Amino acid sequence: MERRKWIILLILTCLYFSGKAQPGFNNNVEDAPIDGGLSVLLAAGVGYGAKKLRDQQIAQRKDVCEDD
């Protein structure tokens, strides 16, 4: 029951702060591009995931070879 109270409090706090968000900008203002470091982080994440997948496949092949 205590955990439920904390979850409800957290949800209400998040709703309060989202309601207090800053207003939008004028249409005349140029927005900052998102592509700055986001594409580098995305590429790094894909590379890390590919390496982990490759390592897992190599480990599975070693297990199969050792069983023979």
N, C-alpha and C. Protein backbone atom coordinates (compact mmCIF):
# COMPACT_ATOMS: atom_id res chain seq x y z
N MET A 1 0.82 -1.19 0.00
CA MET A 1 0.00 0.00 0.00
C MET A 1 0.87 1.26 0.00
N GLU A 2 1.97 1.21 0.74
CA GLU A 2 2.87 2.36 0.81
C GLU A 2 3.50 2.64 -0.55
N ARG A 3 3.84 1.57 -1.27
CA ARG A 3 4.44 1.74 -2.59
C ARG A 3 3.46 2.41 -3.55
N ARG A 4 2.20 2.06 -3.45
CA ARG A 4 1.18 2.65 -4.31
C ARG A 4 1.08 4.16 -4.07
N LYS A 5 1.19 4.57 -2.81
CA LYS A 5 1.14 6.00 -2.50
C LYS A 5 2.30 6.75 -3.14
N TRP A 6 3.50 6.15 -3.10
CA TRP A 6 4.66 6.79 -3.71
C TRP A 6 4.52 6.88 -5.23
N ILE A 7 3.96 5.86 -5.84
CA ILE A 7 3.77 5.88 -7.29
C ILE A 7 2.77 6.96 -7.67
N ILE A 8 1.68 7.06 -6.93
CA ILE A 8 0.68 8.09 -7.20
C ILE A 8 1.28 9.47 -7.00
N LEU A 9 2.07 9.65 -5.95
CA LEU A 9 2.72 10.93 -5.70
C LEU A 9 3.68 11.28 -6.84
N LEU A 10 4.42 10.31 -7.33
CA LEU A 10 5.34 10.54 -8.44
C LEU A 10 4.60 10.94 -9.70
N ILE A 11 3.51 10.26 -10.00
CA ILE A 11 2.72 10.58 -11.19
C ILE A 11 2.14 11.98 -11.09
N LEU A 12 1.59 12.33 -9.93
CA LEU A 12 1.02 13.66 -9.75
C LEU A 12 2.09 14.75 -9.84
N THR A 13 3.28 14.47 -9.32
CA THR A 13 4.37 15.43 -9.42
C THR A 13 4.78 15.64 -10.87
N CYS A 14 4.88 14.56 -11.62
CA CYS A 14 5.23 14.67 -13.04
C CYS A 14 4.16 15.45 -13.80
N LEU A 15 2.91 15.21 -13.50
CA LEU A 15 1.83 15.94 -14.17
C LEU A 15 1.89 17.42 -13.82
N TYR A 16 2.22 17.74 -12.58
CA TYR A 16 2.32 19.13 -12.16
C TYR A 16 3.42 19.85 -12.94
N PHE A 17 4.59 19.23 -13.03
CA PHE A 17 5.70 19.89 -13.71
C PHE A 17 5.48 19.96 -15.22
N SER A 18 4.78 19.01 -15.80
CA SER A 18 4.50 19.11 -17.23
C SER A 18 3.49 20.22 -17.50
N GLY A 19 2.62 20.50 -16.56
CA GLY A 19 1.69 21.61 -16.70
C GLY A 19 2.37 22.95 -16.55
N LYS A 20 3.48 22.99 -15.83
CA LYS A 20 4.23 24.22 -15.62
C LYS A 20 5.32 24.40 -16.67
N ALA A 21 5.28 23.67 -17.75
CA ALA A 21 6.32 23.76 -18.78
C ALA A 21 6.35 25.15 -19.40
N GLN A 22 7.50 25.49 -19.95
CA GLN A 22 7.66 26.80 -20.56
C GLN A 22 6.83 26.90 -21.83
N PRO A 23 6.38 28.10 -22.16
CA PRO A 23 5.62 28.27 -23.40
C PRO A 23 6.53 28.12 -24.62
N GLY A 24 5.94 27.92 -25.78
CA GLY A 24 6.70 27.75 -27.00
C GLY A 24 7.32 29.05 -27.49
N PHE A 25 8.16 28.95 -28.51
CA PHE A 25 8.84 30.10 -29.09
C PHE A 25 8.01 30.71 -30.21
N ASN A 26 8.44 31.88 -30.65
CA ASN A 26 7.82 32.49 -31.83
C ASN A 26 8.18 31.68 -33.07
N ASN A 27 7.41 31.84 -34.11
CA ASN A 27 7.72 31.15 -35.36
C ASN A 27 8.90 31.79 -36.07
N ASN A 28 9.27 33.02 -35.71
CA ASN A 28 10.37 33.72 -36.36
C ASN A 28 11.73 33.25 -35.86
N VAL A 29 11.78 32.52 -34.77
CA VAL A 29 13.03 32.08 -34.17
C VAL A 29 13.47 30.78 -34.83
N GLU A 30 14.76 30.71 -35.21
CA GLU A 30 15.28 29.48 -35.80
C GLU A 30 15.62 28.51 -34.66
N ASP A 31 15.12 27.30 -34.75
CA ASP A 31 15.37 26.29 -33.72
C ASP A 31 16.75 25.68 -33.91
N ALA A 32 17.30 25.17 -32.84
CA ALA A 32 18.61 24.52 -32.89
C ALA A 32 18.47 23.15 -33.55
N PRO A 33 19.43 22.76 -34.36
CA PRO A 33 19.36 21.45 -35.01
C PRO A 33 19.60 20.33 -34.00
N ILE A 34 18.92 19.23 -34.18
CA ILE A 34 19.05 18.08 -33.29
C ILE A 34 20.26 17.24 -33.67
N ASP A 35 20.71 17.34 -34.92
CA ASP A 35 21.69 16.42 -35.46
C ASP A 35 23.08 16.56 -34.86
N GLY A 36 23.35 17.55 -34.06
CA GLY A 36 24.69 17.78 -33.53
C GLY A 36 25.37 16.54 -33.01
N GLY A 37 25.03 16.06 -31.84
CA GLY A 37 25.67 14.89 -31.26
C GLY A 37 24.78 13.68 -31.25
N LEU A 38 23.51 13.88 -31.58
CA LEU A 38 22.57 12.77 -31.52
C LEU A 38 22.91 11.68 -32.53
N SER A 39 23.34 12.07 -33.73
CA SER A 39 23.68 11.06 -34.73
C SER A 39 24.92 10.27 -34.31
N VAL A 40 25.87 10.93 -33.64
CA VAL A 40 27.06 10.22 -33.16
C VAL A 40 26.68 9.23 -32.06
N LEU A 41 25.81 9.65 -31.15
CA LEU A 41 25.36 8.74 -30.09
C LEU A 41 24.58 7.56 -30.65
N LEU A 42 23.76 7.81 -31.66
CA LEU A 42 22.99 6.74 -32.28
C LEU A 42 23.92 5.74 -32.97
N ALA A 43 24.92 6.25 -33.69
CA ALA A 43 25.87 5.37 -34.37
C ALA A 43 26.67 4.56 -33.35
N ALA A 44 27.06 5.18 -32.25
CA ALA A 44 27.80 4.47 -31.21
C ALA A 44 26.94 3.37 -30.59
N GLY A 45 25.67 3.65 -30.38
CA GLY A 45 24.76 2.65 -29.82
C GLY A 45 24.57 1.46 -30.75
N VAL A 46 24.45 1.74 -32.04
CA VAL A 46 24.30 0.66 -33.02
C VAL A 46 25.57 -0.18 -33.06
N GLY A 47 26.72 0.47 -33.05
CA GLY A 47 27.99 -0.25 -33.05
C GLY A 47 28.17 -1.12 -31.82
N TYR A 48 27.81 -0.58 -30.67
CA TYR A 48 27.92 -1.33 -29.41
C TYR A 48 26.98 -2.53 -29.42
N GLY A 49 25.77 -2.34 -29.91
CA GLY A 49 24.82 -3.44 -30.00
C GLY A 49 25.29 -4.53 -30.95
N ALA A 50 25.88 -4.12 -32.09
CA ALA A 50 26.40 -5.09 -33.05
C ALA A 50 27.55 -5.89 -32.44
N LYS A 51 28.42 -5.22 -31.69
CA LYS A 51 29.54 -5.91 -31.06
C LYS A 51 29.05 -6.91 -30.02
N LYS A 52 28.07 -6.51 -29.22
CA LYS A 52 27.53 -7.42 -28.21
C LYS A 52 26.88 -8.64 -28.87
N LEU A 53 26.15 -8.42 -29.96
CA LEU A 53 25.51 -9.52 -30.67
C LEU A 53 26.56 -10.46 -31.25
N ARG A 54 27.62 -9.89 -31.83
CA ARG A 54 28.69 -10.70 -32.40
C ARG A 54 29.39 -11.52 -31.32
N ASP A 55 29.68 -10.89 -30.18
CA ASP A 55 30.32 -11.61 -29.07
C ASP A 55 29.45 -12.75 -28.57
N GLN A 56 28.15 -12.53 -28.53
CA GLN A 56 27.22 -13.56 -28.07
C GLN A 56 27.21 -14.73 -29.05
N GLN A 57 27.23 -14.44 -30.35
CA GLN A 57 27.23 -15.50 -31.35
C GLN A 57 28.53 -16.31 -31.29
N ILE A 58 29.65 -15.63 -31.07
CA ILE A 58 30.93 -16.34 -30.96
C ILE A 58 30.93 -17.24 -29.73
N ALA A 59 30.39 -16.76 -28.62
CA ALA A 59 30.32 -17.57 -27.40
C ALA A 59 29.44 -18.80 -27.61
N GLN A 60 28.34 -18.65 -28.34
CA GLN A 60 27.46 -19.79 -28.61
C GLN A 60 28.17 -20.81 -29.49
N ARG A 61 28.95 -20.35 -30.46
CA ARG A 61 29.68 -21.28 -31.33
C ARG A 61 30.73 -22.05 -30.53
N LYS A 62 31.38 -21.38 -29.59
CA LYS A 62 32.37 -22.06 -28.75
C LYS A 62 31.71 -23.14 -27.91
N ASP A 63 30.52 -22.84 -27.38
CA ASP A 63 29.80 -23.82 -26.58
C ASP A 63 29.43 -25.04 -27.40
N VAL A 64 29.03 -24.83 -28.66
CA VAL A 64 28.65 -25.94 -29.53
C VAL A 64 29.88 -26.78 -29.87
N CYS A 65 31.02 -26.14 -30.13
CA CYS A 65 32.25 -26.86 -30.46
C CYS A 65 32.76 -27.66 -29.26
N GLU A 66 32.63 -27.13 -28.06
CA GLU A 66 33.10 -27.83 -26.87
C GLU A 66 32.24 -29.04 -26.53
N ASP A 67 30.98 -29.02 -26.93
CA ASP A 67 30.08 -30.14 -26.64
C ASP A 67 30.39 -31.35 -27.51
N ASP A 68 31.00 -31.15 -28.67
CA ASP A 68 31.28 -32.27 -29.58
C ASP A 68 32.38 -33.13 -29.11
